[in-house]
Amino acid sequence: MWFAITQKTGFMFGGDPDSQYKRSAVMYVDATGTDAIVIGCFFIALGIVNAALGVRGKRRIPVFWTGAGLMIATFVYGLVQIVLAVVHFFD
């Protein structure tokens, strides 16, 4: 959520930063603006879906679909960015 509020993020994803082997490489993420907001929204969506697992009864359904909708929106944003990158690559 902090990523979505501050619009800045920087973290390491996977791997071992002290490893000398390529297969253990770390992916460094440094995002600002809309990209950081989308990363934050993805983590918020994971939290909402996780909360839906703890809700009993029919109240679970709208909570789950709220989290799922937010997660799908982040995936759609990523796919649009990939398509734009490919178009700009061949342009």
PDB file of N, CA and C in Angstrom:
ATOM      1  N   MET A   1       0.817  -1.171   0.000  1.00  0.00           N
ATOM      2  CA  MET A   1       0.000   0.000   0.000  1.00  0.00           C
ATOM      3  C   MET A   1       0.877   1.257   0.000  1.00  0.00           C
ATOM      4  N   TRP A   2       2.009   1.165   0.648  1.00  0.00           N
ATOM      5  CA  TRP A   2       2.905   2.309   0.712  1.00  0.00           C
ATOM      6  C   TRP A   2       3.396   2.699  -0.679  1.00  0.00           C
ATOM      7  N   PHE A   3       3.583   1.702  -1.558  1.00  0.00           N
ATOM      8  CA  PHE A   3       4.020   1.993  -2.922  1.00  0.00           C
ATOM      9  C   PHE A   3       2.968   2.828  -3.647  1.00  0.00           C
ATOM     10  N   ALA A   4       1.702   2.504  -3.435  1.00  0.00           N
ATOM     11  CA  ALA A   4       0.624   3.213  -4.111  1.00  0.00           C
ATOM     12  C   ALA A   4       0.505   4.646  -3.610  1.00  0.00           C
ATOM     13  N   ILE A   5       0.791   4.879  -2.335  1.00  0.00           N
ATOM     14  CA  ILE A   5       0.665   6.222  -1.766  1.00  0.00           C
ATOM     15  C   ILE A   5       1.843   7.110  -2.165  1.00  0.00           C
ATOM     16  N   THR A   6       3.069   6.591  -2.034  1.00  0.00           N
ATOM     17  CA  THR A   6       4.256   7.407  -2.292  1.00  0.00           C
ATOM     18  C   THR A   6       4.617   7.496  -3.768  1.00  0.00           C
ATOM     19  N   GLN A   7       4.105   6.610  -4.585  1.00  0.00           N
ATOM     20  CA  GLN A   7       4.397   6.534  -6.015  1.00  0.00           C
ATOM     21  C   GLN A   7       5.875   6.296  -6.291  1.00  0.00           C
ATOM     22  N   LYS A   8       6.574   5.667  -5.347  1.00  0.00           N
ATOM     23  CA  LYS A   8       7.979   5.295  -5.530  1.00  0.00           C
ATOM     24  C   LYS A   8       8.186   3.925  -4.902  1.00  0.00           C
ATOM     25  N   THR A   9       8.989   3.107  -5.550  1.00  0.00           N
ATOM     26  CA  THR A   9       9.313   1.806  -4.987  1.00  0.00           C
ATOM     27  C   THR A   9      10.688   1.370  -5.449  1.00  0.00           C
ATOM     28  N   GLY A  10      11.336   0.626  -4.632  1.00  0.00           N
ATOM     29  CA  GLY A  10      12.627   0.044  -4.970  1.00  0.00           C
ATOM     30  C   GLY A  10      12.868  -1.156  -4.073  1.00  0.00           C
ATOM     31  N   PHE A  11      13.010  -2.327  -4.673  1.00  0.00           N
ATOM     32  CA  PHE A  11      13.252  -3.532  -3.893  1.00  0.00           C
ATOM     33  C   PHE A  11      13.919  -4.581  -4.765  1.00  0.00           C
ATOM     34  N   MET A  12      14.412  -5.629  -4.116  1.00  0.00           N
ATOM     35  CA  MET A  12      15.027  -6.749  -4.824  1.00  0.00           C
ATOM     36  C   MET A  12      14.018  -7.888  -4.867  1.00  0.00           C
ATOM     37  N   PHE A  13      13.953  -8.583  -5.989  1.00  0.00           N
ATOM     38  CA  PHE A  13      12.994  -9.655  -6.177  1.00  0.00           C
ATOM     39  C   PHE A  13      13.742 -10.947  -6.450  1.00  0.00           C
ATOM     40  N   GLY A  14      13.714 -11.860  -5.494  1.00  0.00           N
ATOM     41  CA  GLY A  14      14.311 -13.181  -5.666  1.00  0.00           C
ATOM     42  C   GLY A  14      15.818 -13.176  -5.688  1.00  0.00           C
ATOM     43  N   GLY A  15      16.392 -14.356  -5.672  1.00  0.00           N
ATOM     44  CA  GLY A  15      17.825 -14.513  -5.798  1.00  0.00           C
ATOM     45  C   GLY A  15      18.607 -14.162  -4.546  1.00  0.00           C
ATOM     46  N   ASP A  16      19.898 -14.170  -4.692  1.00  0.00           N
ATOM     47  CA  ASP A  16      20.829 -13.860  -3.607  1.00  0.00           C
ATOM     48  C   ASP A  16      21.761 -12.760  -4.091  1.00  0.00           C
ATOM     49  N   PRO A  17      21.722 -11.581  -3.482  1.00  0.00           N
ATOM     50  CA  PRO A  17      22.559 -10.484  -3.980  1.00  0.00           C
ATOM     51  C   PRO A  17      24.052 -10.732  -3.819  1.00  0.00           C
ATOM     52  N   ASP A  18      24.445 -11.655  -2.947  1.00  0.00           N
ATOM     53  CA  ASP A  18      25.869 -11.941  -2.739  1.00  0.00           C
ATOM     54  C   ASP A  18      26.369 -13.122  -3.560  1.00  0.00           C
ATOM     55  N   SER A  19      25.494 -13.739  -4.356  1.00  0.00           N
ATOM     56  CA  SER A  19      25.872 -14.912  -5.133  1.00  0.00           C
ATOM     57  C   SER A  19      26.677 -14.500  -6.364  1.00  0.00           C
ATOM     58  N   GLN A  20      27.622 -15.344  -6.741  1.00  0.00           N
ATOM     59  CA  GLN A  20      28.422 -15.078  -7.931  1.00  0.00           C
ATOM     60  C   GLN A  20      27.903 -15.838  -9.155  1.00  0.00           C
ATOM     61  N   TYR A  21      26.842 -16.638  -8.972  1.00  0.00           N
ATOM     62  CA  TYR A  21      26.294 -17.421 -10.063  1.00  0.00           C
ATOM     63  C   TYR A  21      25.142 -16.686 -10.735  1.00  0.00           C
ATOM     64  N   LYS A  22      25.062 -16.810 -12.061  1.00  0.00           N
ATOM     65  CA  LYS A  22      24.013 -16.118 -12.808  1.00  0.00           C
ATOM     66  C   LYS A  22      22.622 -16.632 -12.478  1.00  0.00           C
ATOM     67  N   ARG A  23      22.493 -17.903 -12.194  1.00  0.00           N
ATOM     68  CA  ARG A  23      21.173 -18.467 -11.928  1.00  0.00           C
ATOM     69  C   ARG A  23      20.594 -17.973 -10.610  1.00  0.00           C
ATOM     70  N   SER A  24      21.403 -17.381  -9.768  1.00  0.00           N
ATOM     71  CA  SER A  24      20.943 -16.835  -8.494  1.00  0.00           C
ATOM     72  C   SER A  24      20.845 -15.313  -8.540  1.00  0.00           C
ATOM     73  N   ALA A  25      20.753 -14.776  -9.740  1.00  0.00           N
ATOM     74  CA  ALA A  25      20.754 -13.318  -9.888  1.00  0.00           C
ATOM     75  C   ALA A  25      19.488 -12.703  -9.290  1.00  0.00           C
ATOM     76  N   VAL A  26      19.643 -11.487  -8.821  1.00  0.00           N
ATOM     77  CA  VAL A  26      18.547 -10.736  -8.236  1.00  0.00           C
ATOM     78  C   VAL A  26      17.976  -9.792  -9.272  1.00  0.00           C
ATOM     79  N   MET A  27      16.648  -9.636  -9.293  1.00  0.00           N
ATOM     80  CA  MET A  27      16.017  -8.668 -10.172  1.00  0.00           C
ATOM     81  C   MET A  27      15.733  -7.421  -9.332  1.00  0.00           C
ATOM     82  N   TYR A  28      16.346  -6.316  -9.717  1.00  0.00           N
ATOM     83  CA  TYR A  28      16.149  -5.070  -8.993  1.00  0.00           C
ATOM     84  C   TYR A  28      14.961  -4.322  -9.585  1.00  0.00           C
ATOM     85  N   VAL A  29      14.027  -3.926  -8.748  1.00  0.00           N
ATOM     86  CA  VAL A  29      12.842  -3.193  -9.174  1.00  0.00           C
ATOM     87  C   VAL A  29      12.955  -1.763  -8.659  1.00  0.00           C
ATOM     88  N   ASP A  30      12.896  -0.813  -9.567  1.00  0.00           N
ATOM     89  CA  ASP A  30      12.930   0.593  -9.213  1.00  0.00           C
ATOM     90  C   ASP A  30      11.863   1.284 -10.051  1.00  0.00           C
ATOM     91  N   ALA A  31      10.696   1.495  -9.471  1.00  0.00           N
ATOM     92  CA  ALA A  31       9.571   2.042 -10.217  1.00  0.00           C
ATOM     93  C   ALA A  31       9.104   3.351  -9.587  1.00  0.00           C
ATOM     94  N   THR A  32       8.610   4.232 -10.441  1.00  0.00           N
ATOM     95  CA  THR A  32       8.044   5.489  -9.967  1.00  0.00           C
ATOM     96  C   THR A  32       6.737   5.746 -10.700  1.00  0.00           C
ATOM     97  N   GLY A  33       5.922   6.612 -10.148  1.00  0.00           N
ATOM     98  CA  GLY A  33       4.677   7.026 -10.796  1.00  0.00           C
ATOM     99  C   GLY A  33       3.655   5.915 -10.880  1.00  0.00           C
ATOM    100  N   THR A  34       3.052   5.787 -12.052  1.00  0.00           N
ATOM    101  CA  THR A  34       1.971   4.830 -12.262  1.00  0.00           C
ATOM    102  C   THR A  34       2.433   3.387 -12.035  1.00  0.00           C
ATOM    103  N   ASP A  35       3.654   3.063 -12.425  1.00  0.00           N
ATOM    104  CA  ASP A  35       4.159   1.711 -12.225  1.00  0.00           C
ATOM    105  C   ASP A  35       4.199   1.351 -10.741  1.00  0.00           C
ATOM    106  N   ALA A  36       4.635   2.263  -9.895  1.00  0.00           N
ATOM    107  CA  ALA A  36       4.671   2.002  -8.460  1.00  0.00           C
ATOM    108  C   ALA A  36       3.262   1.873  -7.898  1.00  0.00           C
ATOM    109  N   ILE A  37       2.334   2.667  -8.402  1.00  0.00           N
ATOM    110  CA  ILE A  37       0.944   2.563  -7.948  1.00  0.00           C
ATOM    111  C   ILE A  37       0.379   1.194  -8.295  1.00  0.00           C
ATOM    112  N   VAL A  38       0.666   0.699  -9.485  1.00  0.00           N
ATOM    113  CA  VAL A  38       0.162  -0.614  -9.897  1.00  0.00           C
ATOM    114  C   VAL A  38       0.781  -1.720  -9.051  1.00  0.00           C
ATOM    115  N   ILE A  39       2.065  -1.623  -8.740  1.00  0.00           N
ATOM    116  CA  ILE A  39       2.702  -2.620  -7.871  1.00  0.00           C
ATOM    117  C   ILE A  39       2.034  -2.600  -6.497  1.00  0.00           C
ATOM    118  N   GLY A  40       1.785  -1.418  -5.959  1.00  0.00           N
ATOM    119  CA  GLY A  40       1.099  -1.315  -4.681  1.00  0.00           C
ATOM    120  C   GLY A  40      -0.310  -1.879  -4.732  1.00  0.00           C
ATOM    121  N   CYS A  41      -1.037  -1.611  -5.821  1.00  0.00           N
ATOM    122  CA  CYS A  41      -2.393  -2.140  -5.973  1.00  0.00           C
ATOM    123  C   CYS A  41      -2.398  -3.655  -6.066  1.00  0.00           C
ATOM    124  N   PHE A  42      -1.366  -4.233  -6.653  1.00  0.00           N
ATOM    125  CA  PHE A  42      -1.287  -5.686  -6.726  1.00  0.00           C
ATOM    126  C   PHE A  42      -1.184  -6.286  -5.324  1.00  0.00           C
ATOM    127  N   PHE A  43      -0.353  -5.685  -4.477  1.00  0.00           N
ATOM    128  CA  PHE A  43      -0.227  -6.192  -3.112  1.00  0.00           C
ATOM    129  C   PHE A  43      -1.504  -5.951  -2.308  1.00  0.00           C
ATOM    130  N   ILE A  44      -2.194  -4.855  -2.560  1.00  0.00           N
ATOM    131  CA  ILE A  44      -3.487  -4.613  -1.913  1.00  0.00           C
ATOM    132  C   ILE A  44      -4.490  -5.677  -2.354  1.00  0.00           C
ATOM    133  N   ALA A  45      -4.492  -6.009  -3.651  1.00  0.00           N
ATOM    134  CA  ALA A  45      -5.400  -7.037  -4.165  1.00  0.00           C
ATOM    135  C   ALA A  45      -5.116  -8.387  -3.518  1.00  0.00           C
ATOM    136  N   LEU A  46      -3.837  -8.717  -3.339  1.00  0.00           N
ATOM    137  CA  LEU A  46      -3.512  -9.974  -2.655  1.00  0.00           C
ATOM    138  C   LEU A  46      -4.067  -9.980  -1.236  1.00  0.00           C
ATOM    139  N   GLY A  47      -3.980  -8.853  -0.543  1.00  0.00           N
ATOM    140  CA  GLY A  47      -4.516  -8.756   0.809  1.00  0.00           C
ATOM    141  C   GLY A  47      -6.023  -8.892   0.841  1.00  0.00           C
ATOM    142  N   ILE A  48      -6.714  -8.301  -0.129  1.00  0.00           N
ATOM    143  CA  ILE A  48      -8.175  -8.403  -0.176  1.00  0.00           C
ATOM    144  C   ILE A  48      -8.609  -9.833  -0.447  1.00  0.00           C
ATOM    145  N   VAL A  49      -7.952 -10.501  -1.387  1.00  0.00           N
ATOM    146  CA  VAL A  49      -8.286 -11.890  -1.678  1.00  0.00           C
ATOM    147  C   VAL A  49      -7.993 -12.766  -0.456  1.00  0.00           C
ATOM    148  N   ASN A  50      -6.903 -12.499   0.229  1.00  0.00           N
ATOM    149  CA  ASN A  50      -6.579 -13.240   1.445  1.00  0.00           C
ATOM    150  C   ASN A  50      -7.628 -12.993   2.522  1.00  0.00           C
ATOM    151  N   ALA A  51      -8.096 -11.754   2.648  1.00  0.00           N
ATOM    152  CA  ALA A  51      -9.148 -11.454   3.620  1.00  0.00           C
ATOM    153  C   ALA A  51     -10.444 -12.171   3.274  1.00  0.00           C
ATOM    154  N   ALA A  52     -10.717 -12.326   1.975  1.00  0.00           N
ATOM    155  CA  ALA A  52     -11.934 -13.018   1.549  1.00  0.00           C
ATOM    156  C   ALA A  52     -11.916 -14.476   1.983  1.00  0.00           C
ATOM    157  N   LEU A  53     -10.736 -15.052   2.110  1.00  0.00           N
ATOM    158  CA  LEU A  53     -10.654 -16.448   2.551  1.00  0.00           C
ATOM    159  C   LEU A  53     -11.092 -16.609   4.000  1.00  0.00           C
ATOM    160  N   GLY A  54     -10.976 -15.542   4.789  1.00  0.00           N
ATOM    161  CA  GLY A  54     -11.363 -15.609   6.196  1.00  0.00           C
ATOM    162  C   GLY A  54     -12.802 -15.217   6.454  1.00  0.00           C
ATOM    163  N   VAL A  55     -13.490 -14.675   5.459  1.00  0.00           N
ATOM    164  CA  VAL A  55     -14.879 -14.254   5.636  1.00  0.00           C
ATOM    165  C   VAL A  55     -15.787 -15.463   5.451  1.00  0.00           C
ATOM    166  N   ARG A  56     -16.763 -15.583   6.320  1.00  0.00           N
ATOM    167  CA  ARG A  56     -17.710 -16.705   6.235  1.00  0.00           C
ATOM    168  C   ARG A  56     -19.004 -16.267   5.569  1.00  0.00           C
ATOM    169  N   GLY A  57     -19.668 -17.182   4.927  1.00  0.00           N
ATOM    170  CA  GLY A  57     -20.982 -16.925   4.343  1.00  0.00           C
ATOM    171  C   GLY A  57     -20.901 -16.256   2.983  1.00  0.00           C
ATOM    172  N   LYS A  58     -22.030 -15.663   2.607  1.00  0.00           N
ATOM    173  CA  LYS A  58     -22.144 -15.047   1.282  1.00  0.00           C
ATOM    174  C   LYS A  58     -21.423 -13.717   1.181  1.00  0.00           C
ATOM    175  N   ARG A  59     -21.005 -13.147   2.301  1.00  0.00           N
ATOM    176  CA  ARG A  59     -20.250 -11.888   2.261  1.00  0.00           C
ATOM    177  C   ARG A  59     -18.884 -12.077   1.620  1.00  0.00           C
ATOM    178  N   ARG A  60     -18.429 -13.301   1.517  1.00  0.00           N
ATOM    179  CA  ARG A  60     -17.121 -13.596   0.930  1.00  0.00           C
ATOM    180  C   ARG A  60     -17.077 -13.262  -0.564  1.00  0.00           C
ATOM    181  N   ILE A  61     -18.171 -13.446  -1.264  1.00  0.00           N
ATOM    182  CA  ILE A  61     -18.188 -13.320  -2.726  1.00  0.00           C
ATOM    183  C   ILE A  61     -17.833 -11.905  -3.191  1.00  0.00           C
ATOM    184  N   PRO A  62     -18.484 -10.832  -2.699  1.00  0.00           N
ATOM    185  CA  PRO A  62     -18.086  -9.507  -3.185  1.00  0.00           C
ATOM    186  C   PRO A  62     -16.681  -9.094  -2.752  1.00  0.00           C
ATOM    187  N   VAL A  63     -16.244  -9.560  -1.589  1.00  0.00           N
ATOM    188  CA  VAL A  63     -14.883  -9.245  -1.145  1.00  0.00           C
ATOM    189  C   VAL A  63     -13.872  -9.898  -2.075  1.00  0.00           C
ATOM    190  N   PHE A  64     -14.106 -11.159  -2.406  1.00  0.00           N
ATOM    191  CA  PHE A  64     -13.203 -11.871  -3.308  1.00  0.00           C
ATOM    192  C   PHE A  64     -13.153 -11.197  -4.673  1.00  0.00           C
ATOM    193  N   TRP A  65     -14.330 -10.866  -5.242  1.00  0.00           N
ATOM    194  CA  TRP A  65     -14.344 -10.294  -6.585  1.00  0.00           C
ATOM    195  C   TRP A  65     -13.779  -8.889  -6.620  1.00  0.00           C
ATOM    196  N   THR A  66     -13.841  -8.171  -5.510  1.00  0.00           N
ATOM    197  CA  THR A  66     -13.171  -6.872  -5.447  1.00  0.00           C
ATOM    198  C   THR A  66     -11.666  -7.054  -5.572  1.00  0.00           C
ATOM    199  N   GLY A  67     -11.102  -7.989  -4.805  1.00  0.00           N
ATOM    200  CA  GLY A  67      -9.664  -8.268  -4.893  1.00  0.00           C
ATOM    201  C   GLY A  67      -9.267  -8.838  -6.241  1.00  0.00           C
ATOM    202  N   ALA A  68     -10.100  -9.741  -6.758  1.00  0.00           N
ATOM    203  CA  ALA A  68      -9.794 -10.336  -8.062  1.00  0.00           C
ATOM    204  C   ALA A  68      -9.857  -9.293  -9.174  1.00  0.00           C
ATOM    205  N   GLY A  69     -10.835  -8.387  -9.098  1.00  0.00           N
ATOM    206  CA  GLY A  69     -10.942  -7.329 -10.107  1.00  0.00           C
ATOM    207  C   GLY A  69      -9.745  -6.397 -10.080  1.00  0.00           C
ATOM    208  N   LEU A  70      -9.299  -6.044  -8.873  1.00  0.00           N
ATOM    209  CA  LEU A  70      -8.119  -5.186  -8.762  1.00  0.00           C
ATOM    210  C   LEU A  70      -6.872  -5.896  -9.283  1.00  0.00           C
ATOM    211  N   MET A  71      -6.770  -7.198  -9.019  1.00  0.00           N
ATOM    212  CA  MET A  71      -5.624  -7.959  -9.510  1.00  0.00           C
ATOM    213  C   MET A  71      -5.656  -8.076 -11.041  1.00  0.00           C
ATOM    214  N   ILE A  72      -6.829  -8.299 -11.598  1.00  0.00           N
ATOM    215  CA  ILE A  72      -6.959  -8.372 -13.060  1.00  0.00           C
ATOM    216  C   ILE A  72      -6.609  -7.031 -13.693  1.00  0.00           C
ATOM    217  N   ALA A  73      -6.999  -5.937 -13.036  1.00  0.00           N
ATOM    218  CA  ALA A  73      -6.661  -4.606 -13.555  1.00  0.00           C
ATOM    219  C   ALA A  73      -5.155  -4.401 -13.598  1.00  0.00           C
ATOM    220  N   THR A  74      -4.433  -4.899 -12.596  1.00  0.00           N
ATOM    221  CA  THR A  74      -2.974  -4.757 -12.614  1.00  0.00           C
ATOM    222  C   THR A  74      -2.360  -5.593 -13.727  1.00  0.00           C
ATOM    223  N   PHE A  75      -2.913  -6.787 -13.986  1.00  0.00           N
ATOM    224  CA  PHE A  75      -2.405  -7.613 -15.080  1.00  0.00           C
ATOM    225  C   PHE A  75      -2.685  -6.962 -16.434  1.00  0.00           C
ATOM    226  N   VAL A  76      -3.856  -6.367 -16.590  1.00  0.00           N
ATOM    227  CA  VAL A  76      -4.189  -5.686 -17.843  1.00  0.00           C
ATOM    228  C   VAL A  76      -3.242  -4.510 -18.065  1.00  0.00           C
ATOM    229  N   TYR A  77      -2.943  -3.753 -17.008  1.00  0.00           N
ATOM    230  CA  TYR A  77      -1.988  -2.649 -17.130  1.00  0.00           C
ATOM    231  C   TYR A  77      -0.628  -3.181 -17.596  1.00  0.00           C
ATOM    232  N   GLY A  78      -0.183  -4.286 -17.024  1.00  0.00           N
ATOM    233  CA  GLY A  78       1.095  -4.879 -17.436  1.00  0.00           C
ATOM    234  C   GLY A  78       1.083  -5.323 -18.884  1.00  0.00           C
ATOM    235  N   LEU A  79      -0.002  -5.949 -19.321  1.00  0.00           N
ATOM    236  CA  LEU A  79      -0.096  -6.386 -20.711  1.00  0.00           C
ATOM    237  C   LEU A  79      -0.100  -5.199 -21.672  1.00  0.00           C
ATOM    238  N   VAL A  80      -0.796  -4.130 -21.322  1.00  0.00           N
ATOM    239  CA  VAL A  80      -0.803  -2.930 -22.162  1.00  0.00           C
ATOM    240  C   VAL A  80       0.602  -2.351 -22.260  1.00  0.00           C
ATOM    241  N   GLN A  81       1.339  -2.331 -21.158  1.00  0.00           N
ATOM    242  CA  GLN A  81       2.709  -1.807 -21.185  1.00  0.00           C
ATOM    243  C   GLN A  81       3.619  -2.680 -22.047  1.00  0.00           C
ATOM    244  N   ILE A  82       3.412  -3.990 -22.010  1.00  0.00           N
ATOM    245  CA  ILE A  82       4.199  -4.886 -22.865  1.00  0.00           C
ATOM    246  C   ILE A  82       3.897  -4.619 -24.340  1.00  0.00           C
ATOM    247  N   VAL A  83       2.623  -4.496 -24.681  1.00  0.00           N
ATOM    248  CA  VAL A  83       2.240  -4.228 -26.071  1.00  0.00           C
ATOM    249  C   VAL A  83       2.815  -2.893 -26.532  1.00  0.00           C
ATOM    250  N   LEU A  84       2.731  -1.870 -25.692  1.00  0.00           N
ATOM    251  CA  LEU A  84       3.298  -0.572 -26.061  1.00  0.00           C
ATOM    252  C   LEU A  84       4.805  -0.644 -26.247  1.00  0.00           C
ATOM    253  N   ALA A  85       5.489  -1.415 -25.425  1.00  0.00           N
ATOM    254  CA  ALA A  85       6.944  -1.559 -25.561  1.00  0.00           C
ATOM    255  C   ALA A  85       7.289  -2.263 -26.881  1.00  0.00           C
ATOM    256  N   VAL A  86       6.531  -3.275 -27.245  1.00  0.00           N
ATOM    257  CA  VAL A  86       6.782  -3.981 -28.502  1.00  0.00           C
ATOM    258  C   VAL A  86       6.515  -3.070 -29.689  1.00  0.00           C
ATOM    259  N   VAL A  87       5.431  -2.322 -29.626  1.00  0.00           N
ATOM    260  CA  VAL A  87       5.105  -1.404 -30.730  1.00  0.00           C
ATOM    261  C   VAL A  87       6.189  -0.339 -30.878  1.00  0.00           C
ATOM    262  N   HIS A  88       6.659   0.203 -29.771  1.00  0.00           N
ATOM    263  CA  HIS A  88       7.715   1.214 -29.838  1.00  0.00           C
ATOM    264  C   HIS A  88       9.049   0.613 -30.271  1.00  0.00           C
ATOM    265  N   PHE A  89       9.250  -0.661 -29.995  1.00  0.00           N
ATOM    266  CA  PHE A  89      10.490  -1.328 -30.409  1.00  0.00           C
ATOM    267  C   PHE A  89      10.549  -1.447 -31.939  1.00  0.00           C
ATOM    268  N   PHE A  90       9.406  -1.792 -32.550  1.00  0.00           N
ATOM    269  CA  PHE A  90       9.370  -1.979 -33.994  1.00  0.00           C
ATOM    270  C   PHE A  90       9.049  -0.684 -34.748  1.00  0.00           C
ATOM    271  N   ASP A  91       8.765   0.350 -34.037  1.00  0.00           N
ATOM    272  CA  ASP A  91       8.390   1.626 -34.671  1.00  0.00           C
ATOM    273  C   ASP A  91       9.585   2.420 -35.101  1.00  0.00           C
TER     274      ASP A  91
END
